[in-house]
Amino acid sequence: MSISIPCLEEAAGQIAQGHWPDAIVQSGCPVVAVLCNLVPLELIHASGATPVRLCAGEAGPLPDGVPEPPRQMCPVVKGAAARLDALRREVGERLAAVAIPATCDWKAGCGGFLGLSSEAFLLDVPRDKSSQEARRAWRLQIAALADHLGQRTGSPATRRSLLRSIALYQHAAALGRRLVERMKQAPPPICGSDLMLVFNLFYSLPVETWVGAGEELLGKEGGRGSLDAVDGGAERPRILVVGAPIIWPHWQVPRLIESLGGQIVADALCSSYRGFSDLVSVDETTRTGLLDALADRYLLPCTCPCFASDEEYLWRVENQTKDFRVEGAVIHRLKSCYLYDLEADRLEGLFRRLGVPCLQIEDEYESPAPAGLATRIEAFLDVVRSRKAGV
């Protein structure tokens, strides 16, 4: 990581070594782990706990007593077993709860594999989020989650604590939008792979720590993460990364894109900026009204491919392509993730219609970079450069 923000550099190094950041381990607060962007982080924070994301960027060794998983198991869920084991060892009884939205069959059935019992809370995600019935059912589930968290942490979310937490996360989202806006510059002042990591670390740090780091980063002009000093920085192909989540420390795809001469200017990944892109809309400031507002914010704008329609996701990707003057797109797929396999072909059709060259990459955690990956990315960037030059 070339961005010189000590707390981010330290956290990235600790995660790469299979540990949780000191900011989590030494905080003394209860910890609530989640497995998806659909869990309201503000609600966890308002319940006196620190939310962290179990999604892992590597499989890691399985803890003792965990049965050998199926060969084709989702790599994110498989990696979560080792990450959860490390969390239990490092925070002990402070692990208050684990919230798992059932966005796919792997997550719906992973409680036994992860060794979860009373701390687990499974959220049944509606496949058609457009119906009023689905919206009401989801609101009831978030209210039940609030009760579960209050019991597990001993500090039920109140109207006042919800308002404070919503305001804090709104501030974090505003910082995220300001960072992303800088990527519209030519050249951007930050390596895109570094900015993706900054957003990735949001899910492994207390929000207060991340906000401080974001404010420090916004106060820097260029710095060691700048591309201004790189030969041909302004001429680098502007790349959009979409598809399945890319989770630190499995960083070979963004690292290769930029080391081979590309510039990531935007992404549409649930492991990165996508979790910042929508705000809570508060109509009523009663406790029930605030819980309903959180439920709506995490369901209605969500563009996860688990939902029946992906038109909104394609619309957002199209707007990003235009707003960031994207010249090439990389579609990231994860082996054994059928949801993103289905989405990849639709994304390729969108980029074909927009006249933007794209490259599909299937990735996995348990082996080095696929043979020829660097060659494929380099050849793709050559195609983008030729298109850009009108050759």
Protein backbone atom coordinates (compact mmCIF):
# COMPACT_ATOMS: atom_id res chain seq x y z
CA MET A 1 0.00 0.00 0.00
CA SER A 2 1.52 3.31 -1.07
CA ILE A 3 -0.82 5.63 0.85
CA SER A 4 1.05 6.82 3.93
CA ILE A 5 -1.66 6.65 6.61
CA PRO A 6 -0.14 4.73 9.55
CA CYS A 7 -3.34 3.20 10.96
CA LEU A 8 -4.37 1.91 7.50
CA GLU A 9 -0.90 0.54 6.72
CA GLU A 10 -0.77 -1.20 10.10
CA ALA A 11 -4.25 -2.70 9.71
CA ALA A 12 -3.50 -3.95 6.19
CA GLY A 13 -0.30 -5.61 7.41
CA GLN A 14 -2.03 -7.32 10.33
CA ILE A 15 -4.86 -8.66 8.15
CA ALA A 16 -2.32 -9.96 5.62
CA GLN A 17 -0.74 -11.95 8.48
CA GLY A 18 -4.07 -13.53 9.41
CA HIS A 19 -4.80 -11.27 12.40
CA TRP A 20 -7.41 -8.65 13.19
CA PRO A 21 -6.25 -5.03 13.49
CA ASP A 22 -5.17 -3.83 16.93
CA ALA A 23 -7.90 -1.19 16.74
CA ILE A 24 -10.43 -4.05 17.02
CA VAL A 25 -8.53 -6.37 19.36
CA GLN A 26 -7.59 -3.70 21.89
CA SER A 27 -10.79 -1.64 21.84
CA GLY A 28 -12.53 -3.47 24.69
CA CYS A 29 -15.93 -3.12 22.94
CA PRO A 30 -18.21 -5.99 21.98
CA VAL A 31 -17.72 -7.11 18.38
CA VAL A 32 -20.43 -8.17 15.92
CA ALA A 33 -19.33 -9.97 12.77
CA VAL A 34 -21.30 -9.81 9.52
CA LEU A 35 -21.04 -11.68 6.25
CA CYS A 36 -22.57 -9.20 3.84
CA ASN A 37 -23.36 -5.55 3.09
CA LEU A 38 -27.04 -6.07 3.90
CA VAL A 39 -26.54 -5.84 7.68
CA PRO A 40 -27.08 -2.28 9.04
CA LEU A 41 -23.73 -1.27 10.54
CA GLU A 42 -25.33 1.74 12.24
CA LEU A 43 -27.59 -0.60 14.21
CA ILE A 44 -24.61 -2.62 15.47
CA HIS A 45 -22.76 0.55 16.42
CA ALA A 46 -25.85 1.93 18.18
CA SER A 47 -25.99 -1.32 20.20
CA GLY A 48 -22.59 -0.55 21.70
CA ALA A 49 -20.62 -2.91 19.47
CA THR A 50 -18.08 -2.64 16.67
CA PRO A 51 -19.18 -4.22 13.36
CA VAL A 52 -16.59 -6.16 11.35
CA ARG A 53 -16.92 -8.13 8.14
CA LEU A 54 -16.00 -11.81 8.07
CA CYS A 55 -15.61 -11.98 4.30
CA ALA A 56 -12.03 -13.09 3.74
CA GLY A 57 -9.55 -12.59 0.93
CA GLU A 58 -7.89 -15.96 1.44
CA ALA A 59 -8.97 -19.41 2.52
CA GLY A 60 -6.46 -19.86 5.35
CA PRO A 61 -6.14 -22.99 7.50
CA LEU A 62 -9.42 -24.29 8.87
CA PRO A 63 -9.73 -24.33 12.67
CA ASP A 64 -9.78 -27.60 14.58
CA GLY A 65 -13.13 -29.33 14.57
CA VAL A 66 -14.37 -27.75 11.35
CA PRO A 67 -15.33 -30.45 8.83
CA GLU A 68 -13.63 -30.48 5.46
CA PRO A 69 -15.78 -28.30 3.19
CA PRO A 70 -17.09 -29.37 -0.21
CA ARG A 71 -14.53 -28.96 -2.97
CA GLN A 72 -16.63 -26.37 -4.78
CA MET A 73 -17.57 -24.35 -1.71
CA CYS A 74 -17.77 -20.56 -2.02
CA PRO A 75 -14.27 -19.21 -1.28
CA VAL A 76 -15.65 -16.24 0.69
CA VAL A 77 -17.55 -18.50 3.10
CA LYS A 78 -14.64 -20.92 3.34
CA GLY A 79 -12.28 -18.05 4.15
CA ALA A 80 -14.74 -16.77 6.75
CA ALA A 81 -14.13 -19.89 8.87
CA ALA A 82 -10.48 -19.03 9.42
CA ARG A 83 -11.27 -15.34 9.89
CA LEU A 84 -13.96 -16.11 12.47
CA ASP A 85 -11.59 -18.48 14.30
CA ALA A 86 -8.98 -15.70 14.51
CA LEU A 87 -11.63 -13.28 15.78
CA ARG A 88 -12.69 -15.69 18.52
CA ARG A 89 -9.10 -16.21 19.61
CA GLU A 90 -8.26 -12.51 19.62
CA VAL A 91 -11.38 -10.94 21.16
CA GLY A 92 -12.72 -13.92 23.14
CA GLU A 93 -16.08 -13.38 24.80
CA ARG A 94 -16.36 -9.92 23.28
CA LEU A 95 -17.67 -11.59 20.10
CA ALA A 96 -21.32 -10.85 20.77
CA ALA A 97 -23.06 -11.96 17.58
CA VAL A 98 -22.67 -13.01 13.95
CA ALA A 99 -25.25 -11.71 11.46
CA ILE A 100 -25.57 -13.59 8.17
CA PRO A 101 -27.89 -12.49 5.36
CA ALA A 102 -28.84 -15.53 3.28
CA THR A 103 -27.92 -14.03 -0.09
CA CYS A 104 -27.04 -17.47 -1.48
CA ASP A 105 -27.32 -21.14 -0.49
CA TRP A 106 -23.75 -21.19 0.81
CA LYS A 107 -24.44 -18.39 3.30
CA ALA A 108 -27.86 -19.77 4.21
CA GLY A 109 -26.30 -23.05 5.30
CA CYS A 110 -22.93 -21.94 6.63
CA GLY A 111 -23.86 -21.68 10.34
CA GLY A 112 -22.87 -25.26 11.10
CA PHE A 113 -19.69 -25.02 9.06
CA LEU A 114 -18.69 -21.88 10.98
CA GLY A 115 -19.54 -23.48 14.31
CA LEU A 116 -22.17 -20.89 15.18
CA SER A 117 -24.79 -21.35 17.89
CA SER A 118 -26.62 -18.79 20.03
CA GLU A 119 -24.63 -15.83 18.67
CA ALA A 120 -25.83 -16.43 15.09
CA PHE A 121 -28.63 -14.44 13.47
CA LEU A 122 -29.72 -15.46 9.97
CA LEU A 123 -31.51 -12.88 7.83
CA ASP A 124 -33.82 -14.23 5.14
CA VAL A 125 -33.15 -11.98 2.14
CA PRO A 126 -36.18 -11.52 -0.16
CA ARG A 127 -35.43 -12.25 -3.81
CA ASP A 128 -37.95 -9.66 -5.04
CA LYS A 129 -37.28 -6.51 -3.02
CA SER A 130 -39.78 -4.43 -5.01
CA SER A 131 -42.91 -5.71 -3.25
CA GLN A 132 -44.36 -4.02 -0.20
CA GLU A 133 -44.69 -7.41 1.49
CA ALA A 134 -40.97 -8.04 1.12
CA ARG A 135 -40.20 -4.58 2.48
CA ARG A 136 -42.42 -5.13 5.54
CA ALA A 137 -40.94 -8.57 6.18
CA TRP A 138 -37.41 -7.18 5.95
CA ARG A 139 -38.25 -4.37 8.38
CA LEU A 140 -39.52 -6.94 10.87
CA GLN A 141 -36.28 -8.90 10.53
CA ILE A 142 -34.17 -5.80 11.20
CA ALA A 143 -36.30 -5.06 14.28
CA ALA A 144 -35.71 -8.64 15.45
CA LEU A 145 -31.98 -8.22 14.81
CA ALA A 146 -32.05 -5.07 16.98
CA ASP A 147 -33.57 -7.11 19.81
CA HIS A 148 -30.99 -9.89 19.34
CA LEU A 149 -28.10 -7.42 19.40
CA GLY A 150 -29.47 -5.72 22.51
CA GLN A 151 -29.61 -9.06 24.31
CA ARG A 152 -26.13 -10.08 23.19
CA THR A 153 -24.36 -6.77 23.92
CA GLY A 154 -26.40 -5.73 26.96
CA SER A 155 -26.86 -2.30 25.37
CA PRO A 156 -30.05 -2.14 23.27
CA ALA A 157 -30.08 0.48 20.52
CA THR A 158 -32.07 3.54 21.59
CA ARG A 159 -33.49 6.38 19.56
CA ARG A 160 -30.62 8.61 20.70
CA SER A 161 -27.86 6.06 19.99
CA LEU A 162 -29.36 5.32 16.56
CA LEU A 163 -29.36 9.00 15.64
CA ARG A 164 -25.70 9.35 16.72
CA SER A 165 -24.61 6.27 14.80
CA ILE A 166 -26.51 7.23 11.65
CA ALA A 167 -24.87 10.67 11.71
CA LEU A 168 -21.41 9.11 12.15
CA TYR A 169 -21.85 6.72 9.24
CA GLN A 170 -23.31 9.51 7.09
CA HIS A 171 -20.06 11.38 7.73
CA ALA A 172 -18.02 8.32 6.72
CA ALA A 173 -20.06 8.02 3.52
CA ALA A 174 -19.48 11.69 2.72
CA LEU A 175 -15.72 11.18 3.08
CA GLY A 176 -15.95 8.16 0.79
CA ARG A 177 -17.78 10.15 -1.88
CA ARG A 178 -15.17 12.93 -1.72
CA LEU A 179 -12.37 10.39 -2.18
CA VAL A 180 -14.15 8.82 -5.14
CA GLU A 181 -14.76 12.20 -6.77
CA ARG A 182 -10.99 12.73 -6.92
CA MET A 183 -10.74 9.73 -9.24
CA LYS A 184 -12.45 11.72 -11.99
CA GLN A 185 -9.26 13.77 -12.38
CA ALA A 186 -6.77 13.03 -15.16
CA PRO A 187 -4.66 11.54 -13.79
CA PRO A 188 -6.27 10.70 -10.44
CA PRO A 189 -4.18 11.64 -7.41
CA ILE A 190 -4.46 8.16 -5.85
CA CYS A 191 -3.71 4.68 -7.17
CA GLY A 192 -7.09 3.01 -7.64
CA SER A 193 -5.90 -0.23 -6.05
CA ASP A 194 -4.93 1.75 -2.94
CA LEU A 195 -8.31 3.48 -2.76
CA MET A 196 -10.04 0.10 -3.09
CA LEU A 197 -7.99 -1.07 -0.11
CA VAL A 198 -8.96 2.03 1.88
CA PHE A 199 -12.63 1.15 1.37
CA ASN A 200 -11.94 -2.55 2.04
CA LEU A 201 -10.39 -1.69 5.41
CA PHE A 202 -13.53 0.21 6.40
CA TYR A 203 -15.10 -3.17 7.15
CA SER A 204 -12.27 -4.27 9.47
CA LEU A 205 -11.81 -1.13 11.57
CA PRO A 206 -13.90 0.86 14.04
CA VAL A 207 -15.72 3.53 12.06
CA GLU A 208 -14.14 6.27 14.18
CA THR A 209 -10.64 5.04 13.23
CA TRP A 210 -11.54 4.88 9.55
CA VAL A 211 -13.10 8.36 9.59
CA GLY A 212 -9.89 9.79 11.05
CA ALA A 213 -7.85 8.07 8.35
CA GLY A 214 -10.21 9.29 5.61
CA GLU A 215 -9.95 12.87 6.81
CA GLU A 216 -6.16 12.59 6.88
CA LEU A 217 -6.10 11.17 3.37
CA LEU A 218 -8.33 13.94 2.03
CA GLY A 219 -5.96 16.45 3.58
CA LYS A 220 -3.07 15.12 1.51
CA GLU A 221 -2.32 16.45 -1.95
CA GLY A 222 -1.00 13.60 -4.03
CA GLY A 223 1.59 12.04 -1.72
CA ARG A 224 3.27 8.71 -2.22
CA GLY A 225 0.09 7.27 -3.66
CA SER A 226 0.03 9.80 -6.50
CA LEU A 227 0.39 8.78 -10.11
CA ASP A 228 1.68 12.22 -11.07
CA ALA A 229 5.25 10.97 -10.78
CA VAL A 230 4.62 7.84 -12.85
CA ASP A 231 5.73 8.01 -16.48
CA GLY A 232 2.69 8.40 -18.70
CA GLY A 233 0.35 8.72 -15.70
CA ALA A 234 -2.18 10.81 -17.64
CA GLU A 235 -2.10 8.35 -20.54
CA ARG A 236 -2.83 5.23 -18.52
CA PRO A 237 -6.06 3.44 -19.59
CA ARG A 238 -8.89 4.30 -17.21
CA ILE A 239 -10.25 1.00 -15.86
CA LEU A 240 -13.49 0.10 -14.08
CA VAL A 241 -13.55 -3.08 -11.95
CA VAL A 242 -16.92 -4.82 -11.50
CA GLY A 243 -18.28 -8.19 -10.43
CA ALA A 244 -17.50 -10.41 -7.45
CA PRO A 245 -15.89 -8.92 -4.33
CA ILE A 246 -12.11 -8.47 -4.19
CA ILE A 247 -11.03 -8.76 -0.56
CA TRP A 248 -7.67 -7.96 0.98
CA PRO A 249 -5.09 -9.53 1.01
CA HIS A 250 -6.06 -11.35 -2.20
CA TRP A 251 -5.08 -8.32 -4.25
CA GLN A 252 -3.46 -9.80 -7.35
CA VAL A 253 -6.04 -8.52 -9.85
CA PRO A 254 -5.99 -4.78 -8.93
CA ARG A 255 -2.25 -4.95 -8.33
CA LEU A 256 -1.60 -6.44 -11.77
CA ILE A 257 -3.90 -3.97 -13.53
CA GLU A 258 -1.92 -1.02 -12.20
CA SER A 259 1.56 -2.55 -12.24
CA LEU A 260 1.06 -3.34 -15.95
CA GLY A 261 0.11 0.24 -16.80
CA GLY A 262 -3.62 0.59 -16.14
CA GLN A 263 -5.33 3.05 -13.79
CA ILE A 264 -8.33 1.86 -11.80
CA VAL A 265 -10.60 4.90 -11.59
CA ALA A 266 -13.76 3.26 -10.21
CA ASP A 267 -15.25 -0.01 -9.03
CA ALA A 268 -18.71 -1.44 -8.45
CA LEU A 269 -17.76 -4.06 -5.85
CA CYS A 270 -19.67 -4.77 -2.62
CA SER A 271 -16.26 -5.09 -0.91
CA SER A 272 -15.33 -1.52 -1.81
CA TYR A 273 -17.14 1.75 -2.54
CA ARG A 274 -20.57 0.25 -3.25
CA GLY A 275 -21.35 0.09 0.47
CA PHE A 276 -20.91 3.87 0.72
CA SER A 277 -23.04 4.94 -2.20
CA ASP A 278 -26.46 5.30 -0.51
CA LEU A 279 -27.59 7.24 2.54
CA VAL A 280 -30.18 6.56 5.23
CA SER A 281 -33.33 8.59 4.56
CA VAL A 282 -34.94 9.42 7.92
CA ASP A 283 -38.61 10.40 7.81
CA GLU A 284 -39.46 9.69 11.45
CA THR A 285 -37.07 10.03 14.37
CA THR A 286 -38.87 7.52 16.58
CA ARG A 287 -36.91 4.35 17.32
CA THR A 288 -39.22 2.35 15.06
CA GLY A 289 -38.92 4.96 12.33
CA LEU A 290 -35.12 4.88 12.51
CA LEU A 291 -35.02 1.07 12.35
CA ASP A 292 -37.35 1.15 9.33
CA ALA A 293 -35.12 3.74 7.66
CA LEU A 294 -32.06 1.55 8.21
CA ALA A 295 -33.90 -1.49 6.88
CA ASP A 296 -34.89 0.38 3.72
CA ARG A 297 -31.40 1.79 3.14
CA TYR A 298 -29.77 -1.64 3.27
CA LEU A 299 -32.38 -3.42 1.15
CA LEU A 300 -33.88 -1.13 -1.48
CA PRO A 301 -30.72 0.34 -3.12
CA CYS A 302 -28.75 -2.90 -2.78
CA THR A 303 -27.60 -4.20 -6.16
CA CYS A 304 -26.47 -7.69 -5.09
CA PRO A 305 -27.06 -10.26 -7.86
CA CYS A 306 -29.11 -12.34 -5.39
CA PHE A 307 -32.12 -10.19 -6.27
CA ALA A 308 -34.48 -11.06 -9.10
CA SER A 309 -33.68 -7.96 -11.16
CA ASP A 310 -30.26 -6.44 -11.80
CA GLU A 311 -31.44 -3.49 -13.90
CA GLU A 312 -30.46 -0.98 -11.21
CA TYR A 313 -26.96 -2.45 -10.98
CA LEU A 314 -26.48 -2.24 -14.74
CA TRP A 315 -27.80 1.33 -14.69
CA ARG A 316 -25.31 2.28 -11.98
CA VAL A 317 -22.41 0.64 -13.81
CA GLU A 318 -23.38 2.46 -17.01
CA ASN A 319 -23.40 5.79 -15.16
CA GLN A 320 -20.01 5.05 -13.59
CA THR A 321 -18.62 4.21 -17.02
CA LYS A 322 -19.68 7.62 -18.31
CA ASP A 323 -18.92 9.70 -15.21
CA PHE A 324 -15.37 8.38 -14.79
CA ARG A 325 -14.63 8.32 -18.55
CA VAL A 326 -13.90 4.60 -18.37
CA GLU A 327 -11.89 3.18 -21.28
CA GLY A 328 -11.83 -0.49 -20.27
CA ALA A 329 -13.61 -2.77 -17.79
CA VAL A 330 -12.45 -5.83 -15.86
CA ILE A 331 -15.21 -8.24 -14.78
CA HIS A 332 -14.04 -10.15 -11.72
CA ARG A 333 -15.54 -13.60 -11.06
CA LEU A 334 -14.93 -15.96 -8.15
CA LYS A 335 -14.72 -19.68 -8.70
CA SER A 336 -17.87 -21.46 -7.41
CA CYS A 337 -19.85 -18.19 -7.08
CA TYR A 338 -22.78 -18.83 -9.40
CA LEU A 339 -24.48 -15.49 -8.63
CA TYR A 340 -21.64 -13.49 -10.15
CA ASP A 341 -21.24 -15.98 -12.99
CA LEU A 342 -24.78 -15.15 -14.08
CA GLU A 343 -24.10 -11.44 -13.74
CA ALA A 344 -20.83 -11.49 -15.71
CA ASP A 345 -22.45 -12.18 -19.08
CA ARG A 346 -24.99 -9.37 -18.59
CA LEU A 347 -22.17 -6.98 -17.70
CA GLU A 348 -20.25 -8.00 -20.80
CA GLY A 349 -23.34 -7.25 -22.89
CA LEU A 350 -23.61 -3.80 -21.29
CA PHE A 351 -19.98 -2.93 -22.05
CA ARG A 352 -20.35 -4.20 -25.60
CA ARG A 353 -23.31 -1.85 -26.07
CA LEU A 354 -21.29 1.03 -24.61
CA GLY A 355 -18.33 0.27 -26.86
CA VAL A 356 -16.01 -0.35 -23.88
CA PRO A 357 -13.51 -3.24 -24.13
CA CYS A 358 -13.86 -5.68 -21.24
CA LEU A 359 -12.01 -8.67 -19.82
CA GLN A 360 -13.52 -11.44 -17.70
CA ILE A 361 -11.23 -12.94 -15.05
CA GLU A 362 -12.10 -16.00 -12.95
CA ASP A 363 -10.25 -15.88 -9.66
CA GLU A 364 -9.78 -18.20 -6.68
CA TYR A 365 -8.15 -17.92 -3.27
CA GLU A 366 -6.40 -21.23 -2.86
CA SER A 367 -3.78 -21.03 -5.57
CA PRO A 368 -1.38 -18.46 -6.99
CA ALA A 369 -2.47 -16.20 -9.84
CA PRO A 370 -3.84 -18.31 -12.71
CA ALA A 371 -1.25 -19.11 -15.34
CA GLY A 372 -1.09 -16.37 -17.91
CA LEU A 373 -3.16 -13.87 -15.91
CA ALA A 374 -0.53 -11.13 -16.22
CA THR A 375 -0.25 -11.82 -19.96
CA ARG A 376 -4.03 -11.59 -20.40
CA ILE A 377 -4.27 -8.32 -18.49
CA GLU A 378 -1.31 -6.85 -20.38
CA ALA A 379 -2.84 -7.83 -23.72
CA PHE A 380 -6.17 -6.35 -22.66
CA LEU A 381 -4.53 -3.05 -21.69
CA ASP A 382 -2.83 -2.99 -25.10
CA VAL A 383 -6.26 -3.33 -26.73
CA VAL A 384 -7.60 -0.46 -24.63
CA ARG A 385 -4.61 1.72 -25.52
CA SER A 386 -5.06 0.97 -29.22
CA ARG A 387 -8.77 1.82 -29.01
CA LYS A 388 -7.92 5.02 -27.16
CA ALA A 389 -5.37 5.99 -29.81
CA GLY A 390 -7.85 5.24 -32.59
CA VAL A 391 -5.67 2.50 -34.06
